[in-house]
Amino acid sequence: CRAAAALLDSLPGLRLRALSRWYATAPVPPTPGTPD
């Protein structure tokens, strides 16, 4: 995710202006054995 965010800043005609904190989230829908 961090590497992808850096690539967003290199999209033609766009600049990264802000990046949120990172969040861990349970899968939706809940799936046993699936990582957060």
PDB file of all heavy atoms in Angstrom:
ATOM      1  N   CYS A   1       0.832  -1.210   0.000  1.00  0.00           N
ATOM      2  CA  CYS A   1       0.000   0.000   0.000  1.00  0.00           C
ATOM      3  C   CYS A   1       0.862   1.254   0.000  1.00  0.00           C
ATOM      4  O   CYS A   1       0.548   2.224  -0.709  1.00  0.00           O
ATOM      5  CB  CYS A   1      -0.955  -0.015   1.187  1.00  0.00           C
ATOM      6  SG  CYS A   1      -2.328  -1.173   0.993  1.00  0.00           S
ATOM      7  N   ARG A   2       1.932   1.252   0.769  1.00  0.00           N
ATOM      8  CA  ARG A   2       2.827   2.423   0.780  1.00  0.00           C
ATOM      9  C   ARG A   2       3.456   2.646  -0.590  1.00  0.00           C
ATOM     10  O   ARG A   2       3.554   3.786  -1.069  1.00  0.00           O
ATOM     11  CB  ARG A   2       3.910   2.243   1.836  1.00  0.00           C
ATOM     12  CG  ARG A   2       3.419   2.436   3.243  1.00  0.00           C
ATOM     13  CD  ARG A   2       4.536   2.240   4.245  1.00  0.00           C
ATOM     14  NE  ARG A   2       4.079   2.568   5.588  1.00  0.00           N
ATOM     15  CZ  ARG A   2       4.551   2.001   6.685  1.00  0.00           C
ATOM     16  NH1 ARG A   2       5.501   1.080   6.620  1.00  0.00           N
ATOM     17  NH2 ARG A   2       4.086   2.358   7.864  1.00  0.00           N
ATOM     18  N   ALA A   3       3.900   1.564  -1.232  1.00  0.00           N
ATOM     19  CA  ALA A   3       4.513   1.681  -2.556  1.00  0.00           C
ATOM     20  C   ALA A   3       3.486   2.158  -3.587  1.00  0.00           C
ATOM     21  O   ALA A   3       3.800   2.977  -4.454  1.00  0.00           O
ATOM     22  CB  ALA A   3       5.118   0.340  -2.971  1.00  0.00           C
ATOM     23  N   ALA A   4       2.271   1.659  -3.490  1.00  0.00           N
ATOM     24  CA  ALA A   4       1.222   2.090  -4.419  1.00  0.00           C
ATOM     25  C   ALA A   4       0.899   3.569  -4.226  1.00  0.00           C
ATOM     26  O   ALA A   4       0.698   4.294  -5.203  1.00  0.00           O
ATOM     27  CB  ALA A   4      -0.030   1.234  -4.227  1.00  0.00           C
ATOM     28  N   ALA A   5       0.874   4.025  -2.981  1.00  0.00           N
ATOM     29  CA  ALA A   5       0.627   5.449  -2.719  1.00  0.00           C
ATOM     30  C   ALA A   5       1.701   6.312  -3.366  1.00  0.00           C
ATOM     31  O   ALA A   5       1.396   7.369  -3.934  1.00  0.00           O
ATOM     32  CB  ALA A   5       0.544   5.704  -1.213  1.00  0.00           C
ATOM     33  N   ALA A   6       2.945   5.862  -3.300  1.00  0.00           N
ATOM     34  CA  ALA A   6       4.029   6.611  -3.939  1.00  0.00           C
ATOM     35  C   ALA A   6       3.820   6.667  -5.453  1.00  0.00           C
ATOM     36  O   ALA A   6       4.083   7.704  -6.081  1.00  0.00           O
ATOM     37  CB  ALA A   6       5.378   5.982  -3.599  1.00  0.00           C
ATOM     38  N   LEU A   7       3.321   5.577  -6.033  1.00  0.00           N
ATOM     39  CA  LEU A   7       3.067   5.576  -7.476  1.00  0.00           C
ATOM     40  C   LEU A   7       1.914   6.500  -7.858  1.00  0.00           C
ATOM     41  O   LEU A   7       1.900   7.049  -8.961  1.00  0.00           O
ATOM     42  CB  LEU A   7       2.780   4.159  -7.966  1.00  0.00           C
ATOM     43  CG  LEU A   7       3.989   3.234  -8.039  1.00  0.00           C
ATOM     44  CD1 LEU A   7       3.569   1.826  -8.449  1.00  0.00           C
ATOM     45  CD2 LEU A   7       5.036   3.781  -9.001  1.00  0.00           C
ATOM     46  N   LEU A   8       0.947   6.676  -6.967  1.00  0.00           N
ATOM     47  CA  LEU A   8      -0.145   7.607  -7.263  1.00  0.00           C
ATOM     48  C   LEU A   8       0.394   9.013  -7.516  1.00  0.00           C
ATOM     49  O   LEU A   8      -0.146   9.753  -8.328  1.00  0.00           O
ATOM     50  CB  LEU A   8      -1.159   7.632  -6.116  1.00  0.00           C
ATOM     51  CG  LEU A   8      -1.971   6.360  -5.897  1.00  0.00           C
ATOM     52  CD1 LEU A   8      -2.839   6.498  -4.653  1.00  0.00           C
ATOM     53  CD2 LEU A   8      -2.809   6.014  -7.115  1.00  0.00           C
ATOM     54  N   ASP A   9       1.479   9.353  -6.818  1.00  0.00           N
ATOM     55  CA  ASP A   9       2.072  10.683  -6.983  1.00  0.00           C
ATOM     56  C   ASP A   9       2.742  10.846  -8.349  1.00  0.00           C
ATOM     57  O   ASP A   9       3.040  11.963  -8.753  1.00  0.00           O
ATOM     58  CB  ASP A   9       3.076  10.951  -5.868  1.00  0.00           C
ATOM     59  CG  ASP A   9       3.497  12.408  -5.798  1.00  0.00           C
ATOM     60  OD1 ASP A   9       2.614  13.286  -5.875  1.00  0.00           O
ATOM     61  OD2 ASP A   9       4.702  12.664  -5.673  1.00  0.00           O
ATOM     62  N   SER A  10       2.955   9.739  -9.051  1.00  0.00           N
ATOM     63  CA  SER A  10       3.599   9.830 -10.360  1.00  0.00           C
ATOM     64  C   SER A  10       2.606   9.701 -11.517  1.00  0.00           C
ATOM     65  O   SER A  10       3.021   9.665 -12.676  1.00  0.00           O
ATOM     66  CB  SER A  10       4.683   8.747 -10.485  1.00  0.00           C
ATOM     67  OG  SER A  10       4.102   7.458 -10.495  1.00  0.00           O
ATOM     68  N   LEU A  11       1.308   9.640 -11.213  1.00  0.00           N
ATOM     69  CA  LEU A  11       0.323   9.582 -12.294  1.00  0.00           C
ATOM     70  C   LEU A  11       0.371  10.886 -13.088  1.00  0.00           C
ATOM     71  O   LEU A  11       0.470  11.968 -12.502  1.00  0.00           O
ATOM     72  CB  LEU A  11      -1.085   9.363 -11.726  1.00  0.00           C
ATOM     73  CG  LEU A  11      -1.359   7.992 -11.129  1.00  0.00           C
ATOM     74  CD1 LEU A  11      -2.739   7.966 -10.466  1.00  0.00           C
ATOM     75  CD2 LEU A  11      -1.265   6.902 -12.182  1.00  0.00           C
ATOM     76  N   PRO A  12       0.281  10.797 -14.411  1.00  0.00           N
ATOM     77  CA  PRO A  12       0.356  12.009 -15.231  1.00  0.00           C
ATOM     78  C   PRO A  12      -0.711  13.035 -14.840  1.00  0.00           C
ATOM     79  O   PRO A  12      -1.888  12.712 -14.734  1.00  0.00           O
ATOM     80  CB  PRO A  12       0.117  11.493 -16.654  1.00  0.00           C
ATOM     81  CG  PRO A  12       0.480  10.044 -16.605  1.00  0.00           C
ATOM     82  CD  PRO A  12       0.144   9.582 -15.208  1.00  0.00           C
ATOM     83  N   GLY A  13      -0.264  14.245 -14.593  1.00  0.00           N
ATOM     84  CA  GLY A  13      -1.171  15.342 -14.296  1.00  0.00           C
ATOM     85  C   GLY A  13      -1.758  15.334 -12.904  1.00  0.00           C
ATOM     86  O   GLY A  13      -2.658  16.112 -12.621  1.00  0.00           O
ATOM     87  N   LEU A  14      -1.251  14.481 -12.006  1.00  0.00           N
ATOM     88  CA  LEU A  14      -1.765  14.432 -10.641  1.00  0.00           C
ATOM     89  C   LEU A  14      -0.630  14.438  -9.635  1.00  0.00           C
ATOM     90  O   LEU A  14       0.456  13.954  -9.911  1.00  0.00           O
ATOM     91  CB  LEU A  14      -2.619  13.176 -10.420  1.00  0.00           C
ATOM     92  CG  LEU A  14      -3.935  13.119 -11.170  1.00  0.00           C
ATOM     93  CD1 LEU A  14      -4.609  11.777 -10.951  1.00  0.00           C
ATOM     94  CD2 LEU A  14      -4.850  14.252 -10.749  1.00  0.00           C
ATOM     95  N   ARG A  15      -0.932  14.961  -8.459  1.00  0.00           N
ATOM     96  CA  ARG A  15       0.031  14.944  -7.357  1.00  0.00           C
ATOM     97  C   ARG A  15      -0.673  14.470  -6.099  1.00  0.00           C
ATOM     98  O   ARG A  15      -1.839  14.807  -5.853  1.00  0.00           O
ATOM     99  CB  ARG A  15       0.617  16.339  -7.104  1.00  0.00           C
ATOM    100  CG  ARG A  15       1.517  16.826  -8.208  1.00  0.00           C
ATOM    101  CD  ARG A  15       2.769  15.944  -8.338  1.00  0.00           C
ATOM    102  NE  ARG A  15       3.373  16.057  -9.627  1.00  0.00           N
ATOM    103  CZ  ARG A  15       3.281  15.164 -10.627  1.00  0.00           C
ATOM    104  NH1 ARG A  15       2.578  14.090 -10.497  1.00  0.00           N
ATOM    105  NH2 ARG A  15       3.903  15.366 -11.755  1.00  0.00           N
ATOM    106  N   LEU A  16       0.048  13.696  -5.307  1.00  0.00           N
ATOM    107  CA  LEU A  16      -0.449  13.244  -4.012  1.00  0.00           C
ATOM    108  C   LEU A  16      -0.421  14.434  -3.067  1.00  0.00           C
ATOM    109  O   LEU A  16       0.632  15.016  -2.820  1.00  0.00           O
ATOM    110  CB  LEU A  16       0.431  12.104  -3.485  1.00  0.00           C
ATOM    111  CG  LEU A  16       0.069  11.518  -2.137  1.00  0.00           C
ATOM    112  CD1 LEU A  16      -1.286  10.840  -2.183  1.00  0.00           C
ATOM    113  CD2 LEU A  16       1.137  10.518  -1.698  1.00  0.00           C
ATOM    114  N   ARG A  17      -1.572  14.820  -2.550  1.00  0.00           N
ATOM    115  CA  ARG A  17      -1.678  15.962  -1.649  1.00  0.00           C
ATOM    116  C   ARG A  17      -1.779  15.545  -0.191  1.00  0.00           C
ATOM    117  O   ARG A  17      -1.406  16.309   0.692  1.00  0.00           O
ATOM    118  CB  ARG A  17      -2.880  16.824  -2.014  1.00  0.00           C
ATOM    119  CG  ARG A  17      -2.825  17.383  -3.408  1.00  0.00           C
ATOM    120  CD  ARG A  17      -1.704  18.384  -3.551  1.00  0.00           C
ATOM    121  NE  ARG A  17      -1.755  18.976  -4.886  1.00  0.00           N
ATOM    122  CZ  ARG A  17      -0.703  19.435  -5.506  1.00  0.00           C
ATOM    123  NH1 ARG A  17       0.479  19.395  -4.938  1.00  0.00           N
ATOM    124  NH2 ARG A  17      -0.811  19.948  -6.703  1.00  0.00           N
ATOM    125  N   ALA A  18      -2.320  14.359   0.077  1.00  0.00           N
ATOM    126  CA  ALA A  18      -2.442  13.883   1.455  1.00  0.00           C
ATOM    127  C   ALA A  18      -2.622  12.370   1.436  1.00  0.00           C
ATOM    128  O   ALA A  18      -3.203  11.813   0.502  1.00  0.00           O
ATOM    129  CB  ALA A  18      -3.628  14.542   2.155  1.00  0.00           C
ATOM    130  N   LEU A  19      -2.112  11.738   2.484  1.00  0.00           N
ATOM    131  CA  LEU A  19      -2.250  10.299   2.659  1.00  0.00           C
ATOM    132  C   LEU A  19      -2.697  10.055   4.094  1.00  0.00           C
ATOM    133  O   LEU A  19      -2.107  10.587   5.033  1.00  0.00           O
ATOM    134  CB  LEU A  19      -0.923   9.598   2.370  1.00  0.00           C
ATOM    135  CG  LEU A  19      -0.917   8.078   2.405  1.00  0.00           C
ATOM    136  CD1 LEU A  19      -1.861   7.490   1.359  1.00  0.00           C
ATOM    137  CD2 LEU A  19       0.502   7.555   2.186  1.00  0.00           C
ATOM    138  N   SER A  20      -3.736   9.256   4.243  1.00  0.00           N
ATOM    139  CA  SER A  20      -4.282   8.974   5.566  1.00  0.00           C
ATOM    140  C   SER A  20      -3.332   8.114   6.389  1.00  0.00           C
ATOM    141  O   SER A  20      -2.346   7.571   5.880  1.00  0.00           O
ATOM    142  CB  SER A  20      -5.615   8.226   5.428  1.00  0.00           C
ATOM    143  OG  SER A  20      -5.394   6.900   4.983  1.00  0.00           O
ATOM    144  N   ARG A  21      -3.709   7.956   7.635  1.00  0.00           N
ATOM    145  CA  ARG A  21      -3.095   6.910   8.448  1.00  0.00           C
ATOM    146  C   ARG A  21      -3.508   5.578   7.833  1.00  0.00           C
ATOM    147  O   ARG A  21      -4.458   5.509   7.056  1.00  0.00           O
ATOM    148  CB  ARG A  21      -3.599   6.983   9.893  1.00  0.00           C
ATOM    149  CG  ARG A  21      -3.214   8.275  10.597  1.00  0.00           C
ATOM    150  CD  ARG A  21      -3.847   8.360  11.965  1.00  0.00           C
ATOM    151  NE  ARG A  21      -5.295   8.583  11.826  1.00  0.00           N
ATOM    152  CZ  ARG A  21      -6.135   8.668  12.833  1.00  0.00           C
ATOM    153  NH1 ARG A  21      -5.720   8.530  14.082  1.00  0.00           N
ATOM    154  NH2 ARG A  21      -7.415   8.888  12.625  1.00  0.00           N
ATOM    155  N   TRP A  22      -2.801   4.530   8.204  1.00  0.00           N
ATOM    156  CA  TRP A  22      -3.153   3.186   7.747  1.00  0.00           C
ATOM    157  C   TRP A  22      -4.024   2.526   8.805  1.00  0.00           C
ATOM    158  O   TRP A  22      -3.792   2.689  10.001  1.00  0.00           O
ATOM    159  CB  TRP A  22      -1.903   2.360   7.472  1.00  0.00           C
ATOM    160  CG  TRP A  22      -1.089   2.943   6.353  1.00  0.00           C
ATOM    161  CD1 TRP A  22       0.099   3.597   6.463  1.00  0.00           C
ATOM    162  CD2 TRP A  22      -1.425   2.960   4.962  1.00  0.00           C
ATOM    163  NE1 TRP A  22       0.522   4.024   5.219  1.00  0.00           N
ATOM    164  CE2 TRP A  22      -0.392   3.645   4.285  1.00  0.00           C
ATOM    165  CE3 TRP A  22      -2.501   2.480   4.217  1.00  0.00           C
ATOM    166  CZ2 TRP A  22      -0.397   3.845   2.914  1.00  0.00           C
ATOM    167  CZ3 TRP A  22      -2.506   2.671   2.846  1.00  0.00           C
ATOM    168  CH2 TRP A  22      -1.463   3.349   2.199  1.00  0.00           C
ATOM    169  N   TYR A  23      -5.002   1.790   8.337  1.00  0.00           N
ATOM    170  CA  TYR A  23      -5.962   1.107   9.203  1.00  0.00           C
ATOM    171  C   TYR A  23      -5.912  -0.391   8.923  1.00  0.00           C
ATOM    172  O   TYR A  23      -5.753  -0.803   7.771  1.00  0.00           O
ATOM    173  CB  TYR A  23      -7.381   1.614   8.940  1.00  0.00           C
ATOM    174  CG  TYR A  23      -7.599   3.039   9.369  1.00  0.00           C
ATOM    175  CD1 TYR A  23      -7.121   4.101   8.615  1.00  0.00           C
ATOM    176  CD2 TYR A  23      -8.276   3.331  10.544  1.00  0.00           C
ATOM    177  CE1 TYR A  23      -7.308   5.417   9.014  1.00  0.00           C
ATOM    178  CE2 TYR A  23      -8.479   4.646  10.956  1.00  0.00           C
ATOM    179  CZ  TYR A  23      -7.987   5.675  10.181  1.00  0.00           C
ATOM    180  OH  TYR A  23      -8.173   6.982  10.578  1.00  0.00           O
ATOM    181  N   ALA A  24      -6.072  -1.175   9.977  1.00  0.00           N
ATOM    182  CA  ALA A  24      -6.268  -2.616   9.827  1.00  0.00           C
ATOM    183  C   ALA A  24      -7.757  -2.869   9.938  1.00  0.00           C
ATOM    184  O   ALA A  24      -8.416  -2.315  10.824  1.00  0.00           O
ATOM    185  CB  ALA A  24      -5.520  -3.376  10.918  1.00  0.00           C
ATOM    186  N   THR A  25      -8.289  -3.656   9.018  1.00  0.00           N
ATOM    187  CA  THR A  25      -9.723  -3.907   9.029  1.00  0.00           C
ATOM    188  C   THR A  25     -10.015  -5.369   8.747  1.00  0.00           C
ATOM    189  O   THR A  25      -9.350  -6.007   7.927  1.00  0.00           O
ATOM    190  CB  THR A  25     -10.449  -3.033   7.990  1.00  0.00           C
ATOM    191  OG1 THR A  25      -9.934  -3.296   6.697  1.00  0.00           O
ATOM    192  CG2 THR A  25     -10.273  -1.569   8.283  1.00  0.00           C
ATOM    193  N   ALA A  26     -11.025  -5.863   9.421  1.00  0.00           N
ATOM    194  CA  ALA A  26     -11.469  -7.233   9.201  1.00  0.00           C
ATOM    195  C   ALA A  26     -12.100  -7.329   7.812  1.00  0.00           C
ATOM    196  O   ALA A  26     -12.698  -6.368   7.325  1.00  0.00           O
ATOM    197  CB  ALA A  26     -12.474  -7.628  10.273  1.00  0.00           C
ATOM    198  N   PRO A  27     -11.963  -8.480   7.161  1.00  0.00           N
ATOM    199  CA  PRO A  27     -12.571  -8.641   5.830  1.00  0.00           C
ATOM    200  C   PRO A  27     -14.085  -8.470   5.874  1.00  0.00           C
ATOM    201  O   PRO A  27     -14.738  -8.838   6.838  1.00  0.00           O
ATOM    202  CB  PRO A  27     -12.221 -10.079   5.449  1.00  0.00           C
ATOM    203  CG  PRO A  27     -11.109 -10.484   6.340  1.00  0.00           C
ATOM    204  CD  PRO A  27     -11.241  -9.674   7.589  1.00  0.00           C
ATOM    205  N   VAL A  28     -14.627  -7.871   4.806  1.00  0.00           N
ATOM    206  CA  VAL A  28     -16.069  -7.705   4.634  1.00  0.00           C
ATOM    207  C   VAL A  28     -16.436  -8.349   3.298  1.00  0.00           C
ATOM    208  O   VAL A  28     -15.912  -7.927   2.272  1.00  0.00           O
ATOM    209  CB  VAL A  28     -16.472  -6.215   4.633  1.00  0.00           C
ATOM    210  CG1 VAL A  28     -17.943  -6.052   4.348  1.00  0.00           C
ATOM    211  CG2 VAL A  28     -16.083  -5.552   5.943  1.00  0.00           C
ATOM    212  N   PRO A  29     -17.270  -9.385   3.288  1.00  0.00           N
ATOM    213  CA  PRO A  29     -17.878 -10.048   4.437  1.00  0.00           C
ATOM    214  C   PRO A  29     -16.837 -10.843   5.212  1.00  0.00           C
ATOM    215  O   PRO A  29     -15.801 -11.224   4.656  1.00  0.00           O
ATOM    216  CB  PRO A  29     -18.936 -10.958   3.811  1.00  0.00           C
ATOM    217  CG  PRO A  29     -18.410 -11.260   2.446  1.00  0.00           C
ATOM    218  CD  PRO A  29     -17.654 -10.027   2.012  1.00  0.00           C
ATOM    219  N   PRO A  30     -17.113 -11.130   6.501  1.00  0.00           N
ATOM    220  CA  PRO A  30     -16.163 -11.902   7.308  1.00  0.00           C
ATOM    221  C   PRO A  30     -15.908 -13.273   6.675  1.00  0.00           C
ATOM    222  O   PRO A  30     -16.840 -13.954   6.264  1.00  0.00           O
ATOM    223  CB  PRO A  30     -16.870 -12.054   8.656  1.00  0.00           C
ATOM    224  CG  PRO A  30     -17.922 -11.005   8.666  1.00  0.00           C
ATOM    225  CD  PRO A  30     -18.311 -10.760   7.239  1.00  0.00           C
ATOM    226  N   THR A  31     -14.631 -13.606   6.565  1.00  0.00           N
ATOM    227  CA  THR A  31     -14.245 -14.878   5.966  1.00  0.00           C
ATOM    228  C   THR A  31     -13.205 -15.532   6.865  1.00  0.00           C
ATOM    229  O   THR A  31     -12.100 -14.987   7.013  1.00  0.00           O
ATOM    230  CB  THR A  31     -13.661 -14.648   4.560  1.00  0.00           C
ATOM    231  OG1 THR A  31     -14.567 -13.842   3.807  1.00  0.00           O
ATOM    232  CG2 THR A  31     -13.428 -15.959   3.835  1.00  0.00           C
ATOM    233  N   PRO A  32     -13.535 -16.661   7.488  1.00  0.00           N
ATOM    234  CA  PRO A  32     -12.564 -17.320   8.380  1.00  0.00           C
ATOM    235  C   PRO A  32     -11.253 -17.602   7.660  1.00  0.00           C
ATOM    236  O   PRO A  32     -11.227 -18.023   6.507  1.00  0.00           O
ATOM    237  CB  PRO A  32     -13.274 -18.625   8.770  1.00  0.00           C
ATOM    238  CG  PRO A  32     -14.725 -18.363   8.550  1.00  0.00           C
ATOM    239  CD  PRO A  32     -14.799 -17.401   7.397  1.00  0.00           C
ATOM    240  N   GLY A  33     -10.156 -17.324   8.353  1.00  0.00           N
ATOM    241  CA  GLY A  33      -8.831 -17.593   7.814  1.00  0.00           C
ATOM    242  C   GLY A  33      -8.286 -16.544   6.872  1.00  0.00           C
ATOM    243  O   GLY A  33      -7.148 -16.639   6.426  1.00  0.00           O
ATOM    244  N   THR A  34      -9.087 -15.529   6.545  1.00  0.00           N
ATOM    245  CA  THR A  34      -8.631 -14.472   5.651  1.00  0.00           C
ATOM    246  C   THR A  34      -7.948 -13.392   6.480  1.00  0.00           C
ATOM    247  O   THR A  34      -8.511 -12.929   7.468  1.00  0.00           O
ATOM    248  CB  THR A  34      -9.816 -13.862   4.874  1.00  0.00           C
ATOM    249  OG1 THR A  34     -10.433 -14.897   4.108  1.00  0.00           O
ATOM    250  CG2 THR A  34      -9.350 -12.760   3.941  1.00  0.00           C
ATOM    251  N   PRO A  35      -6.729 -12.994   6.094  1.00  0.00           N
ATOM    252  CA  PRO A  35      -6.036 -11.960   6.873  1.00  0.00           C
ATOM    253  C   PRO A  35      -6.763 -10.621   6.831  1.00  0.00           C
ATOM    254  O   PRO A  35      -7.480 -10.317   5.880  1.00  0.00           O
ATOM    255  CB  PRO A  35      -4.663 -11.839   6.194  1.00  0.00           C
ATOM    256  CG  PRO A  35      -4.650 -12.755   5.044  1.00  0.00           C
ATOM    257  CD  PRO A  35      -5.966 -13.454   4.946  1.00  0.00           C
ATOM    258  N   ASP A  36      -6.530  -9.818   7.885  1.00  0.00           N
ATOM    259  CA  ASP A  36      -7.063  -8.456   7.906  1.00  0.00           C
ATOM    260  C   ASP A  36      -6.500  -7.663   6.733  1.00  0.00           C
ATOM    261  O   ASP A  36      -5.408  -7.938   6.227  1.00  0.00           O
ATOM    262  CB  ASP A  36      -6.680  -7.746   9.204  1.00  0.00           C
ATOM    263  CG  ASP A  36      -7.539  -8.162  10.386  1.00  0.00           C
ATOM    264  OD1 ASP A  36      -8.522  -8.911  10.200  1.00  0.00           O
ATOM    265  OD2 ASP A  36      -7.215  -7.727  11.504  1.00  0.00           O
TER     266      ASP A  36
END
